N, C-alpha and C. Protein backbone atom coordinates (compact mmCIF):
# COMPACT_ATOMS: atom_id res chain seq x y z
N UNK A 1 252.91 158.85 24.67
CA UNK A 1 253.25 159.47 25.95
C UNK A 1 252.19 160.48 26.38
N UNK A 2 252.04 160.67 27.69
CA UNK A 2 251.04 161.58 28.20
C UNK A 2 251.25 163.01 27.72
N UNK A 3 252.53 163.42 27.51
CA UNK A 3 252.77 164.80 27.13
C UNK A 3 252.36 165.10 25.68
N UNK A 4 251.96 164.07 24.92
CA UNK A 4 251.45 164.29 23.56
C UNK A 4 249.94 164.31 23.52
N UNK A 5 249.30 164.31 24.68
CA UNK A 5 247.85 164.14 24.75
C UNK A 5 247.08 165.21 24.00
N UNK A 6 247.51 166.49 24.09
CA UNK A 6 246.75 167.57 23.46
C UNK A 6 246.65 167.37 21.95
N UNK A 7 247.72 166.86 21.33
CA UNK A 7 247.72 166.67 19.89
C UNK A 7 247.07 165.35 19.48
N UNK A 8 247.27 164.31 20.29
CA UNK A 8 246.88 162.97 19.87
C UNK A 8 245.47 162.59 20.31
N UNK A 9 245.04 163.05 21.48
CA UNK A 9 243.75 162.62 22.01
C UNK A 9 242.58 162.88 21.05
N UNK A 10 242.49 164.04 20.39
CA UNK A 10 241.36 164.22 19.46
C UNK A 10 241.35 163.20 18.33
N UNK A 11 242.53 162.82 17.85
CA UNK A 11 242.61 161.81 16.79
C UNK A 11 242.11 160.47 17.31
N UNK A 12 242.52 160.13 18.54
CA UNK A 12 242.10 158.87 19.14
C UNK A 12 240.60 158.82 19.35
N UNK A 13 240.03 159.93 19.83
CA UNK A 13 238.60 159.99 20.07
C UNK A 13 237.82 159.82 18.76
N UNK A 14 238.28 160.50 17.71
CA UNK A 14 237.60 160.40 16.42
C UNK A 14 237.64 158.98 15.87
N UNK A 15 238.71 158.26 16.18
CA UNK A 15 238.85 156.89 15.68
C UNK A 15 238.14 155.87 16.57
N UNK A 16 237.67 156.31 17.74
CA UNK A 16 237.03 155.38 18.66
C UNK A 16 237.99 154.37 19.25
N UNK A 17 239.24 154.76 19.40
CA UNK A 17 240.28 153.83 19.86
C UNK A 17 240.38 153.79 21.38
N UNK A 18 240.94 152.70 21.88
CA UNK A 18 241.22 152.55 23.31
C UNK A 18 242.55 153.23 23.61
N UNK A 19 242.60 154.01 24.69
CA UNK A 19 243.81 154.76 25.03
C UNK A 19 244.65 154.00 26.04
N UNK A 20 245.92 153.82 25.71
CA UNK A 20 246.91 153.31 26.67
C UNK A 20 248.12 154.24 26.60
N UNK A 21 248.61 154.69 27.72
CA UNK A 21 249.78 155.56 27.73
C UNK A 21 250.96 154.83 28.37
N UNK A 22 252.14 155.42 28.19
CA UNK A 22 253.34 154.86 28.81
C UNK A 22 253.19 154.77 30.32
N UNK A 23 252.38 155.66 30.89
CA UNK A 23 252.24 155.72 32.35
C UNK A 23 251.70 154.42 32.92
N UNK A 24 250.99 153.64 32.13
CA UNK A 24 250.41 152.40 32.62
C UNK A 24 251.43 151.29 32.78
N UNK A 25 252.57 151.42 32.13
CA UNK A 25 253.54 150.32 32.17
C UNK A 25 254.93 150.75 32.61
N UNK A 26 255.16 152.06 32.73
CA UNK A 26 256.51 152.55 32.99
C UNK A 26 256.69 153.01 34.42
N UNK A 27 257.69 152.46 35.12
CA UNK A 27 257.95 152.92 36.49
C UNK A 27 258.75 154.21 36.55
N UNK A 28 259.29 154.65 35.41
CA UNK A 28 260.19 155.81 35.43
C UNK A 28 259.73 156.92 34.50
N UNK A 29 258.42 157.02 34.27
CA UNK A 29 257.91 157.97 33.31
C UNK A 29 258.26 159.41 33.66
N UNK A 30 258.27 159.75 34.97
CA UNK A 30 258.52 161.14 35.37
C UNK A 30 259.91 161.60 34.99
N UNK A 31 260.83 160.65 34.77
CA UNK A 31 262.19 161.03 34.41
C UNK A 31 262.35 161.32 32.93
N UNK A 32 261.33 161.05 32.13
CA UNK A 32 261.43 161.24 30.69
C UNK A 32 261.19 162.70 30.33
N UNK A 33 261.79 163.17 29.22
CA UNK A 33 261.58 164.56 28.79
C UNK A 33 260.16 164.76 28.31
N UNK A 34 259.71 166.03 28.32
CA UNK A 34 258.34 166.32 27.92
C UNK A 34 258.28 167.06 26.58
N UNK A 35 259.34 166.95 25.80
CA UNK A 35 259.37 167.58 24.48
C UNK A 35 260.25 166.78 23.54
N UNK A 36 260.40 167.29 22.31
CA UNK A 36 261.20 166.62 21.30
C UNK A 36 262.67 166.57 21.74
N UNK A 37 263.31 165.43 21.52
CA UNK A 37 264.74 165.29 21.81
C UNK A 37 265.43 164.75 20.56
N UNK A 38 266.68 165.13 20.37
CA UNK A 38 267.41 164.75 19.16
C UNK A 38 267.87 163.30 19.20
N UNK A 39 267.99 162.74 18.02
CA UNK A 39 268.47 161.38 17.84
C UNK A 39 269.83 161.18 18.50
N UNK A 40 269.98 160.06 19.19
CA UNK A 40 271.28 159.68 19.75
C UNK A 40 271.56 160.22 21.13
N UNK A 41 270.75 161.15 21.64
CA UNK A 41 270.97 161.68 22.98
C UNK A 41 270.51 160.67 24.02
N UNK A 42 270.97 160.85 25.27
CA UNK A 42 270.55 159.94 26.34
C UNK A 42 269.03 159.94 26.52
N UNK A 43 268.42 161.12 26.38
CA UNK A 43 266.97 161.21 26.54
C UNK A 43 266.26 160.45 25.42
N UNK A 44 266.78 160.54 24.21
CA UNK A 44 266.22 159.81 23.07
C UNK A 44 266.28 158.31 23.32
N UNK A 45 267.44 157.84 23.80
CA UNK A 45 267.61 156.41 24.07
C UNK A 45 266.66 155.95 25.16
N UNK A 46 266.49 156.77 26.20
CA UNK A 46 265.60 156.40 27.30
C UNK A 46 264.16 156.27 26.82
N UNK A 47 263.70 157.20 26.00
CA UNK A 47 262.34 157.14 25.48
C UNK A 47 262.14 155.86 24.66
N UNK A 48 263.12 155.52 23.85
CA UNK A 48 262.96 154.36 22.99
C UNK A 48 262.97 153.05 23.76
N UNK A 49 263.66 153.00 24.88
CA UNK A 49 263.57 151.79 25.71
C UNK A 49 262.20 151.70 26.38
N UNK A 50 261.61 152.84 26.72
CA UNK A 50 260.25 152.80 27.24
C UNK A 50 259.26 152.31 26.18
N UNK A 51 259.56 152.59 24.93
CA UNK A 51 258.74 152.08 23.83
C UNK A 51 258.76 150.55 23.80
N UNK A 52 259.96 149.97 23.95
CA UNK A 52 260.07 148.51 23.97
C UNK A 52 259.28 147.94 25.14
N UNK A 53 259.41 148.59 26.30
CA UNK A 53 258.68 148.14 27.49
C UNK A 53 257.17 148.24 27.26
N UNK A 54 256.76 149.30 26.58
CA UNK A 54 255.34 149.53 26.29
C UNK A 54 254.79 148.45 25.35
N UNK A 55 255.54 148.15 24.30
CA UNK A 55 255.10 147.11 23.36
C UNK A 55 255.00 145.76 24.06
N UNK A 56 255.99 145.47 24.90
CA UNK A 56 255.94 144.19 25.64
C UNK A 56 254.72 144.14 26.54
N UNK A 57 254.39 145.26 27.18
CA UNK A 57 253.21 145.34 28.05
C UNK A 57 251.93 145.12 27.25
N UNK A 58 251.86 145.73 26.07
CA UNK A 58 250.69 145.57 25.22
C UNK A 58 250.51 144.12 24.78
N UNK A 59 251.60 143.42 24.54
CA UNK A 59 251.52 142.04 24.06
C UNK A 59 250.97 141.09 25.12
N UNK A 60 250.96 141.51 26.37
CA UNK A 60 250.29 140.71 27.41
C UNK A 60 248.78 140.93 27.39
N UNK A 61 248.32 141.92 26.62
CA UNK A 61 246.91 142.29 26.63
C UNK A 61 246.24 142.15 25.27
N UNK A 62 247.03 142.12 24.20
CA UNK A 62 246.48 142.06 22.85
C UNK A 62 247.22 141.00 22.03
N UNK A 63 246.50 140.41 21.08
CA UNK A 63 247.08 139.34 20.27
C UNK A 63 248.05 139.86 19.23
N UNK A 64 247.78 141.06 18.70
CA UNK A 64 248.59 141.61 17.61
C UNK A 64 248.77 143.10 17.85
N UNK A 65 250.02 143.55 17.89
CA UNK A 65 250.34 144.96 18.13
C UNK A 65 251.08 145.51 16.92
N UNK A 66 250.60 146.64 16.39
CA UNK A 66 251.32 147.37 15.35
C UNK A 66 251.72 148.71 15.95
N UNK A 67 253.02 148.99 15.93
CA UNK A 67 253.53 150.22 16.53
C UNK A 67 254.12 151.11 15.44
N UNK A 68 253.81 152.41 15.48
CA UNK A 68 254.39 153.38 14.56
C UNK A 68 254.75 154.64 15.33
N UNK A 69 255.93 155.19 15.08
CA UNK A 69 256.31 156.47 15.67
C UNK A 69 255.51 157.60 15.03
N UNK A 70 255.57 158.78 15.66
CA UNK A 70 254.81 159.92 15.17
C UNK A 70 255.33 160.48 13.85
N UNK A 71 256.57 160.14 13.47
CA UNK A 71 257.08 160.63 12.19
C UNK A 71 256.87 159.60 11.07
N UNK A 72 255.93 158.70 11.28
CA UNK A 72 255.52 157.76 10.23
C UNK A 72 254.19 158.24 9.66
N UNK A 73 254.19 158.59 8.37
CA UNK A 73 252.98 159.02 7.69
C UNK A 73 252.31 157.84 7.00
N UNK A 74 251.02 157.68 7.23
CA UNK A 74 250.28 156.56 6.65
C UNK A 74 249.65 157.01 5.33
N UNK A 75 250.03 156.35 4.24
CA UNK A 75 249.53 156.68 2.91
C UNK A 75 248.36 155.78 2.52
N UNK A 76 248.30 154.62 3.11
CA UNK A 76 247.22 153.66 2.88
C UNK A 76 247.16 152.74 4.09
N UNK A 77 246.07 152.00 4.21
CA UNK A 77 245.88 151.11 5.36
C UNK A 77 246.76 149.87 5.20
N UNK A 78 247.78 149.69 6.08
CA UNK A 78 248.63 148.51 5.98
C UNK A 78 248.17 147.34 6.86
N UNK A 79 247.09 147.54 7.62
CA UNK A 79 246.75 146.56 8.65
C UNK A 79 246.35 145.21 8.06
N UNK A 80 245.59 145.23 6.95
CA UNK A 80 245.21 143.97 6.33
C UNK A 80 246.44 143.20 5.86
N UNK A 81 247.42 143.94 5.32
CA UNK A 81 248.66 143.33 4.84
C UNK A 81 249.44 142.71 6.00
N UNK A 82 249.54 143.47 7.10
CA UNK A 82 250.27 142.99 8.27
C UNK A 82 249.58 141.79 8.92
N UNK A 83 248.28 141.71 8.80
CA UNK A 83 247.56 140.54 9.33
C UNK A 83 247.94 139.28 8.56
N UNK A 84 248.10 139.40 7.24
CA UNK A 84 248.55 138.26 6.46
C UNK A 84 249.98 137.88 6.81
N UNK A 85 250.85 138.89 6.95
CA UNK A 85 252.24 138.64 7.34
C UNK A 85 252.29 137.91 8.68
N UNK A 86 251.42 138.32 9.61
CA UNK A 86 251.44 137.76 10.97
C UNK A 86 250.99 136.30 11.01
N UNK A 87 250.36 135.82 9.95
CA UNK A 87 250.01 134.41 9.90
C UNK A 87 251.24 133.53 9.71
N UNK A 88 252.33 134.13 9.25
CA UNK A 88 253.56 133.37 8.97
C UNK A 88 254.70 133.79 9.88
N UNK A 89 254.81 135.10 10.15
CA UNK A 89 255.93 135.64 10.94
C UNK A 89 255.40 136.31 12.20
N UNK A 90 256.03 136.02 13.34
CA UNK A 90 255.62 136.64 14.60
C UNK A 90 255.98 138.11 14.68
N UNK A 91 257.01 138.51 13.93
CA UNK A 91 257.47 139.90 13.94
C UNK A 91 257.69 140.39 12.51
N UNK A 92 257.48 141.67 12.31
CA UNK A 92 257.81 142.31 11.03
C UNK A 92 258.35 143.70 11.34
N UNK A 93 259.43 144.06 10.67
CA UNK A 93 260.09 145.36 10.89
C UNK A 93 260.28 146.09 9.57
N UNK A 94 260.13 147.41 9.62
CA UNK A 94 260.68 148.24 8.56
C UNK A 94 262.19 148.11 8.60
N UNK A 95 262.86 148.25 7.46
CA UNK A 95 264.32 148.15 7.44
C UNK A 95 264.93 149.46 6.95
N UNK A 96 266.26 149.56 7.14
CA UNK A 96 266.94 150.83 6.91
C UNK A 96 267.73 150.91 5.60
N UNK A 97 267.62 149.89 4.72
CA UNK A 97 268.23 149.95 3.39
C UNK A 97 269.74 150.17 3.44
N UNK A 98 270.40 149.46 4.35
CA UNK A 98 271.86 149.54 4.45
C UNK A 98 272.49 148.33 3.78
N UNK A 99 273.66 148.51 3.19
CA UNK A 99 274.38 147.41 2.54
C UNK A 99 275.09 146.55 3.57
N UNK A 100 274.33 145.72 4.25
CA UNK A 100 274.93 144.87 5.27
C UNK A 100 273.97 143.75 5.63
N UNK A 101 274.53 142.71 6.19
CA UNK A 101 273.75 141.60 6.73
C UNK A 101 274.38 141.22 8.07
N UNK A 102 273.58 141.01 9.11
CA UNK A 102 272.12 141.07 9.14
C UNK A 102 271.61 142.48 8.82
N UNK A 103 270.38 142.57 8.31
CA UNK A 103 269.82 143.88 7.97
C UNK A 103 269.60 144.73 9.22
N UNK A 104 269.56 146.03 9.02
CA UNK A 104 269.28 146.95 10.12
C UNK A 104 267.77 147.09 10.26
N UNK A 105 267.24 146.63 11.38
CA UNK A 105 265.80 146.68 11.62
C UNK A 105 265.44 147.98 12.33
N UNK A 106 264.32 148.55 11.92
CA UNK A 106 263.90 149.86 12.44
C UNK A 106 262.75 149.67 13.42
N UNK A 107 262.95 150.15 14.65
CA UNK A 107 261.93 150.01 15.70
C UNK A 107 260.80 151.03 15.57
N UNK A 108 260.86 151.90 14.59
CA UNK A 108 259.85 152.95 14.50
C UNK A 108 258.58 152.48 13.78
N UNK A 109 258.66 151.31 13.11
CA UNK A 109 257.44 150.71 12.55
C UNK A 109 257.58 149.20 12.63
N UNK A 110 256.78 148.58 13.49
CA UNK A 110 256.87 147.14 13.65
C UNK A 110 255.48 146.53 13.81
N UNK A 111 255.40 145.26 13.48
CA UNK A 111 254.22 144.44 13.73
C UNK A 111 254.66 143.28 14.61
N UNK A 112 253.95 143.05 15.70
CA UNK A 112 254.36 142.02 16.67
C UNK A 112 253.16 141.20 17.11
N UNK A 113 253.29 139.89 17.01
CA UNK A 113 252.28 138.98 17.52
C UNK A 113 252.64 138.57 18.95
N UNK A 114 251.61 138.30 19.74
CA UNK A 114 251.83 137.85 21.13
C UNK A 114 252.18 136.37 21.13
N UNK A 115 253.31 136.06 20.51
CA UNK A 115 253.80 134.69 20.40
C UNK A 115 254.99 134.51 21.35
N UNK A 116 255.27 133.28 21.76
CA UNK A 116 256.39 133.05 22.68
C UNK A 116 257.72 133.60 22.16
N UNK A 117 257.97 133.49 20.86
CA UNK A 117 259.26 133.96 20.34
C UNK A 117 259.36 135.48 20.44
N UNK A 118 258.24 136.20 20.22
CA UNK A 118 258.25 137.65 20.36
C UNK A 118 258.51 138.05 21.80
N UNK A 119 257.80 137.42 22.72
CA UNK A 119 257.96 137.74 24.13
C UNK A 119 259.38 137.40 24.60
N UNK A 120 259.93 136.30 24.11
CA UNK A 120 261.29 135.93 24.49
C UNK A 120 262.30 136.97 24.02
N UNK A 121 262.15 137.43 22.78
CA UNK A 121 263.08 138.42 22.24
C UNK A 121 263.02 139.72 23.02
N UNK A 122 261.81 140.22 23.27
CA UNK A 122 261.68 141.48 24.00
C UNK A 122 262.13 141.33 25.45
N UNK A 123 261.83 140.20 26.06
CA UNK A 123 262.28 139.98 27.44
C UNK A 123 263.81 139.93 27.51
N UNK A 124 264.45 139.31 26.51
CA UNK A 124 265.91 139.26 26.47
C UNK A 124 266.49 140.66 26.35
N UNK A 125 265.92 141.46 25.46
CA UNK A 125 266.40 142.83 25.30
C UNK A 125 266.26 143.64 26.58
N UNK A 126 265.09 143.55 27.20
CA UNK A 126 264.84 144.36 28.39
C UNK A 126 265.68 143.90 29.58
N UNK A 127 265.87 142.59 29.72
CA UNK A 127 266.69 142.10 30.85
C UNK A 127 268.14 142.51 30.68
N UNK A 128 268.66 142.46 29.44
CA UNK A 128 270.05 142.89 29.21
C UNK A 128 270.19 144.39 29.44
N UNK A 129 269.19 145.15 29.01
CA UNK A 129 269.24 146.60 29.21
C UNK A 129 269.17 146.95 30.70
N UNK A 130 268.25 146.32 31.42
CA UNK A 130 268.07 146.65 32.84
C UNK A 130 269.26 146.20 33.68
N UNK A 131 270.02 145.21 33.18
CA UNK A 131 271.19 144.72 33.92
C UNK A 131 272.47 145.49 33.58
N UNK A 132 272.38 146.49 32.71
CA UNK A 132 273.56 147.26 32.32
C UNK A 132 274.13 148.01 33.52
N UNK A 133 275.42 147.84 33.80
CA UNK A 133 276.03 148.60 34.90
C UNK A 133 275.92 150.11 34.64
N UNK A 134 275.70 150.90 35.68
CA UNK A 134 275.50 152.34 35.48
C UNK A 134 276.70 153.06 34.88
N UNK A 135 277.89 152.46 34.96
CA UNK A 135 279.06 153.12 34.40
C UNK A 135 279.28 152.77 32.92
N UNK A 136 278.42 151.93 32.36
CA UNK A 136 278.53 151.57 30.95
C UNK A 136 277.72 152.55 30.11
N UNK A 137 278.19 152.86 28.89
CA UNK A 137 277.43 153.80 28.03
C UNK A 137 276.08 153.22 27.63
N UNK A 138 275.11 154.11 27.44
CA UNK A 138 273.79 153.69 27.00
C UNK A 138 273.83 153.16 25.57
N UNK A 139 273.05 152.13 25.32
CA UNK A 139 272.90 151.56 23.97
C UNK A 139 271.43 151.61 23.62
N UNK A 140 271.10 152.13 22.45
CA UNK A 140 269.68 152.23 22.10
C UNK A 140 269.11 150.87 21.73
N UNK A 141 267.79 150.82 21.63
CA UNK A 141 267.10 149.54 21.42
C UNK A 141 267.41 148.95 20.05
N UNK A 142 267.64 149.80 19.07
CA UNK A 142 267.94 149.31 17.73
C UNK A 142 269.31 148.63 17.71
N UNK A 143 270.29 149.23 18.36
CA UNK A 143 271.63 148.63 18.43
C UNK A 143 271.61 147.36 19.26
N UNK A 144 270.80 147.35 20.32
CA UNK A 144 270.71 146.15 21.17
C UNK A 144 270.13 144.98 20.38
N UNK A 145 269.06 145.23 19.62
CA UNK A 145 268.48 144.16 18.81
C UNK A 145 269.46 143.71 17.74
N UNK A 146 270.16 144.66 17.14
CA UNK A 146 271.15 144.33 16.12
C UNK A 146 272.23 143.40 16.69
N UNK A 147 272.67 143.67 17.91
CA UNK A 147 273.69 142.83 18.53
C UNK A 147 273.18 141.42 18.78
N UNK A 148 271.93 141.30 19.21
CA UNK A 148 271.34 139.98 19.46
C UNK A 148 271.25 139.17 18.17
N UNK A 149 270.79 139.82 17.10
CA UNK A 149 270.64 139.11 15.83
C UNK A 149 272.00 138.80 15.21
N UNK A 150 272.97 139.68 15.40
CA UNK A 150 274.32 139.41 14.89
C UNK A 150 274.92 138.18 15.59
N UNK A 151 274.66 138.07 16.90
CA UNK A 151 275.13 136.89 17.64
C UNK A 151 274.44 135.62 17.16
N UNK A 152 273.16 135.73 16.83
CA UNK A 152 272.37 134.56 16.45
C UNK A 152 271.40 134.96 15.33
N UNK A 153 271.87 134.88 14.06
CA UNK A 153 271.01 135.30 12.95
C UNK A 153 269.78 134.42 12.75
N UNK A 154 269.68 133.29 13.43
CA UNK A 154 268.49 132.45 13.27
C UNK A 154 267.23 133.13 13.80
N UNK A 155 267.38 134.20 14.57
CA UNK A 155 266.21 135.00 14.96
C UNK A 155 265.43 135.46 13.73
N UNK A 156 266.13 135.65 12.61
CA UNK A 156 265.50 136.15 11.40
C UNK A 156 264.49 135.17 10.82
N UNK A 157 264.50 133.93 11.26
CA UNK A 157 263.48 132.99 10.81
C UNK A 157 262.08 133.42 11.25
N UNK A 158 262.02 134.24 12.28
CA UNK A 158 260.74 134.66 12.85
C UNK A 158 260.37 136.10 12.49
N UNK A 159 261.24 136.77 11.70
CA UNK A 159 261.07 138.19 11.42
C UNK A 159 260.90 138.41 9.92
N UNK A 160 259.81 139.06 9.55
CA UNK A 160 259.60 139.44 8.15
C UNK A 160 260.18 140.83 7.94
N UNK A 161 260.98 140.98 6.89
CA UNK A 161 261.55 142.28 6.54
C UNK A 161 260.58 142.97 5.59
N UNK A 162 259.94 144.00 6.07
CA UNK A 162 258.92 144.68 5.27
C UNK A 162 259.53 145.31 4.02
N UNK A 163 258.85 145.16 2.91
CA UNK A 163 259.34 145.67 1.63
C UNK A 163 259.66 147.15 1.72
N UNK A 164 260.87 147.52 1.27
CA UNK A 164 261.26 148.92 1.32
C UNK A 164 260.53 149.76 0.27
N UNK A 165 259.86 149.12 -0.68
CA UNK A 165 259.03 149.86 -1.61
C UNK A 165 257.64 150.14 -1.06
N UNK A 166 257.18 149.31 -0.12
CA UNK A 166 255.86 149.50 0.48
C UNK A 166 255.92 150.23 1.81
N UNK A 167 257.04 150.09 2.52
CA UNK A 167 257.23 150.74 3.83
C UNK A 167 258.50 151.58 3.73
N UNK A 168 258.35 152.74 3.14
CA UNK A 168 259.49 153.58 2.78
C UNK A 168 260.15 154.18 4.02
N UNK A 169 261.48 154.13 4.07
CA UNK A 169 262.19 154.92 5.07
C UNK A 169 262.56 156.27 4.47
N UNK A 170 263.21 157.11 5.27
CA UNK A 170 263.48 158.47 4.84
C UNK A 170 264.30 158.58 3.57
N UNK A 171 265.21 157.63 3.34
CA UNK A 171 266.04 157.68 2.14
C UNK A 171 265.22 157.46 0.88
N UNK A 172 264.02 156.92 1.02
CA UNK A 172 263.18 156.68 -0.15
C UNK A 172 262.23 157.82 -0.47
N UNK A 173 262.48 159.01 0.09
CA UNK A 173 261.52 160.11 -0.07
C UNK A 173 261.28 160.48 -1.52
N UNK A 174 262.29 160.27 -2.40
CA UNK A 174 262.14 160.67 -3.80
C UNK A 174 261.01 159.90 -4.50
N UNK A 175 260.65 158.74 -3.95
CA UNK A 175 259.56 157.97 -4.56
C UNK A 175 258.21 158.64 -4.35
N UNK A 176 258.15 159.63 -3.46
CA UNK A 176 256.90 160.34 -3.22
C UNK A 176 256.92 161.76 -3.77
N UNK A 177 258.01 162.12 -4.45
CA UNK A 177 258.16 163.46 -5.01
C UNK A 177 258.04 163.36 -6.53
N UNK A 178 257.31 164.27 -7.14
CA UNK A 178 257.14 164.23 -8.59
C UNK A 178 258.47 164.49 -9.29
N UNK A 179 258.89 163.50 -10.08
CA UNK A 179 260.14 163.61 -10.83
C UNK A 179 259.82 163.76 -12.32
N UNK A 180 260.79 164.18 -13.11
CA UNK A 180 260.57 164.19 -14.57
C UNK A 180 260.21 162.79 -15.06
N UNK A 181 259.51 162.74 -16.18
CA UNK A 181 259.08 161.46 -16.73
C UNK A 181 260.29 160.57 -17.03
N UNK A 182 260.12 159.27 -16.84
CA UNK A 182 261.18 158.32 -17.12
C UNK A 182 261.46 158.26 -18.62
N UNK A 183 262.71 157.99 -18.97
CA UNK A 183 263.06 157.84 -20.38
C UNK A 183 262.55 156.51 -20.92
N UNK A 184 262.23 155.58 -20.02
CA UNK A 184 261.68 154.29 -20.42
C UNK A 184 260.19 154.25 -20.08
N UNK A 185 259.45 153.44 -20.81
CA UNK A 185 258.04 153.24 -20.52
C UNK A 185 257.91 152.31 -19.31
N UNK A 186 257.31 152.80 -18.25
CA UNK A 186 257.17 152.02 -17.02
C UNK A 186 255.77 151.43 -16.94
N UNK A 187 255.70 150.18 -16.54
CA UNK A 187 254.42 149.49 -16.38
C UNK A 187 254.21 149.23 -14.89
N UNK A 188 253.45 150.10 -14.25
CA UNK A 188 253.23 149.99 -12.81
C UNK A 188 253.92 151.11 -12.07
N UNK A 189 253.57 151.27 -10.80
CA UNK A 189 254.18 152.30 -9.96
C UNK A 189 254.17 151.83 -8.51
N UNK A 190 255.03 152.42 -7.73
CA UNK A 190 255.07 152.10 -6.31
C UNK A 190 253.82 152.64 -5.62
N UNK A 191 253.26 151.84 -4.72
CA UNK A 191 252.11 152.26 -3.92
C UNK A 191 252.40 151.97 -2.45
N UNK A 192 253.21 152.81 -1.82
CA UNK A 192 253.62 152.55 -0.43
C UNK A 192 252.45 152.64 0.55
N UNK A 193 252.58 151.88 1.62
CA UNK A 193 251.63 151.99 2.73
C UNK A 193 251.99 153.16 3.64
N UNK A 194 253.30 153.27 3.96
CA UNK A 194 253.73 154.30 4.92
C UNK A 194 255.03 154.93 4.45
N UNK A 195 255.29 156.11 4.99
CA UNK A 195 256.59 156.78 4.82
C UNK A 195 257.09 157.19 6.18
N UNK A 196 258.31 156.78 6.49
CA UNK A 196 258.93 157.12 7.77
C UNK A 196 259.97 158.21 7.55
N UNK A 197 259.77 159.36 8.16
CA UNK A 197 260.66 160.51 7.97
C UNK A 197 261.89 160.41 8.87
N UNK A 198 262.64 159.32 8.69
CA UNK A 198 263.90 159.20 9.42
C UNK A 198 265.08 159.53 8.49
N UNK A 199 266.27 159.26 8.92
CA UNK A 199 267.49 159.64 8.22
C UNK A 199 267.62 161.17 8.12
N UNK A 200 266.89 161.89 8.94
CA UNK A 200 267.09 163.32 9.11
C UNK A 200 266.83 163.62 10.59
N UNK A 201 267.50 164.62 11.12
CA UNK A 201 267.44 164.90 12.55
C UNK A 201 266.86 166.29 12.78
N UNK A 202 266.00 166.39 13.77
CA UNK A 202 265.42 167.68 14.13
C UNK A 202 263.97 167.79 13.71
N UNK A 203 263.18 168.41 14.57
CA UNK A 203 261.74 168.52 14.33
C UNK A 203 261.45 169.28 13.05
N UNK A 204 262.18 170.37 12.80
CA UNK A 204 261.94 171.16 11.59
C UNK A 204 262.25 170.35 10.34
N UNK A 205 263.34 169.61 10.35
CA UNK A 205 263.70 168.79 9.19
C UNK A 205 262.67 167.71 8.93
N UNK A 206 262.19 167.07 10.00
CA UNK A 206 261.18 166.03 9.83
C UNK A 206 259.89 166.60 9.27
N UNK A 207 259.47 167.75 9.80
CA UNK A 207 258.27 168.40 9.29
C UNK A 207 258.41 168.78 7.83
N UNK A 208 259.58 169.29 7.45
CA UNK A 208 259.82 169.68 6.06
C UNK A 208 259.79 168.47 5.14
N UNK A 209 260.40 167.36 5.59
CA UNK A 209 260.43 166.16 4.76
C UNK A 209 259.04 165.58 4.58
N UNK A 210 258.25 165.59 5.65
CA UNK A 210 256.89 165.06 5.54
C UNK A 210 256.01 165.97 4.70
N UNK A 211 256.21 167.26 4.79
CA UNK A 211 255.46 168.19 3.94
C UNK A 211 255.80 167.98 2.47
N UNK A 212 257.09 167.79 2.19
CA UNK A 212 257.54 167.60 0.80
C UNK A 212 256.96 166.33 0.19
N UNK A 213 256.77 165.31 1.02
CA UNK A 213 256.29 164.02 0.52
C UNK A 213 254.78 163.86 0.65
N UNK A 214 254.09 164.90 1.12
CA UNK A 214 252.64 164.82 1.24
C UNK A 214 252.17 163.98 2.38
N UNK A 215 253.00 163.77 3.38
CA UNK A 215 252.62 162.93 4.52
C UNK A 215 252.44 163.73 5.81
N UNK A 216 252.48 165.06 5.71
CA UNK A 216 252.18 165.92 6.85
C UNK A 216 250.76 166.42 6.67
N UNK A 217 249.82 165.90 7.46
CA UNK A 217 248.40 166.12 7.22
C UNK A 217 247.73 166.94 8.31
N UNK A 218 248.53 167.60 9.16
CA UNK A 218 247.95 168.32 10.31
C UNK A 218 247.95 169.82 10.12
N UNK A 219 248.23 170.30 8.92
CA UNK A 219 248.23 171.74 8.70
C UNK A 219 249.57 172.36 9.04
N UNK A 220 249.69 173.65 8.83
CA UNK A 220 250.96 174.34 9.04
C UNK A 220 251.28 174.52 10.50
N UNK A 221 250.30 174.44 11.39
CA UNK A 221 250.55 174.62 12.81
C UNK A 221 251.19 173.43 13.42
């Protein structure tokens, strides 16, 4: 988003990356909040639908899109891994480690190929969202995708569920914290690509969780 420019632009410049903002694809950007909003609020839901619209817009311009929210800390380069995944699956999602099927897919870290099945899924989501009567309660993008897959689980044939040991969600934070030695001799260790500081709400909590896990790399400010 444009309101994150002061923090993000220097990182983008150093990486030599091409800049695209929500403003290029969103007709309603001025209505979005310009600061952090809490999970589950109407403003939070609105921002996340703009994310879906943004990813769909990018897929008209790029062959492969990897999207990560700002509370995703990168521990190693996952792009080579996701390129291999994309040779078989058009979509890949981080998952939420819930005891249920279909699995809960997390929109905060995804890999998407510009394939017809990807475009069809996103177009279906956006058309259903845009057709929602104004008197109906807002539904976030994660719940909307969950409803589509629950209706037709065969969508999962096109979706790779990213390993929860390699793409850690917030509940897996203990894997990045030094624990007492195991009572058993362990051969090998987890080597995650990313850590997503979800399953906690509030900017302070997210910052604390990322600091505890060594994934907050921008200093105390």
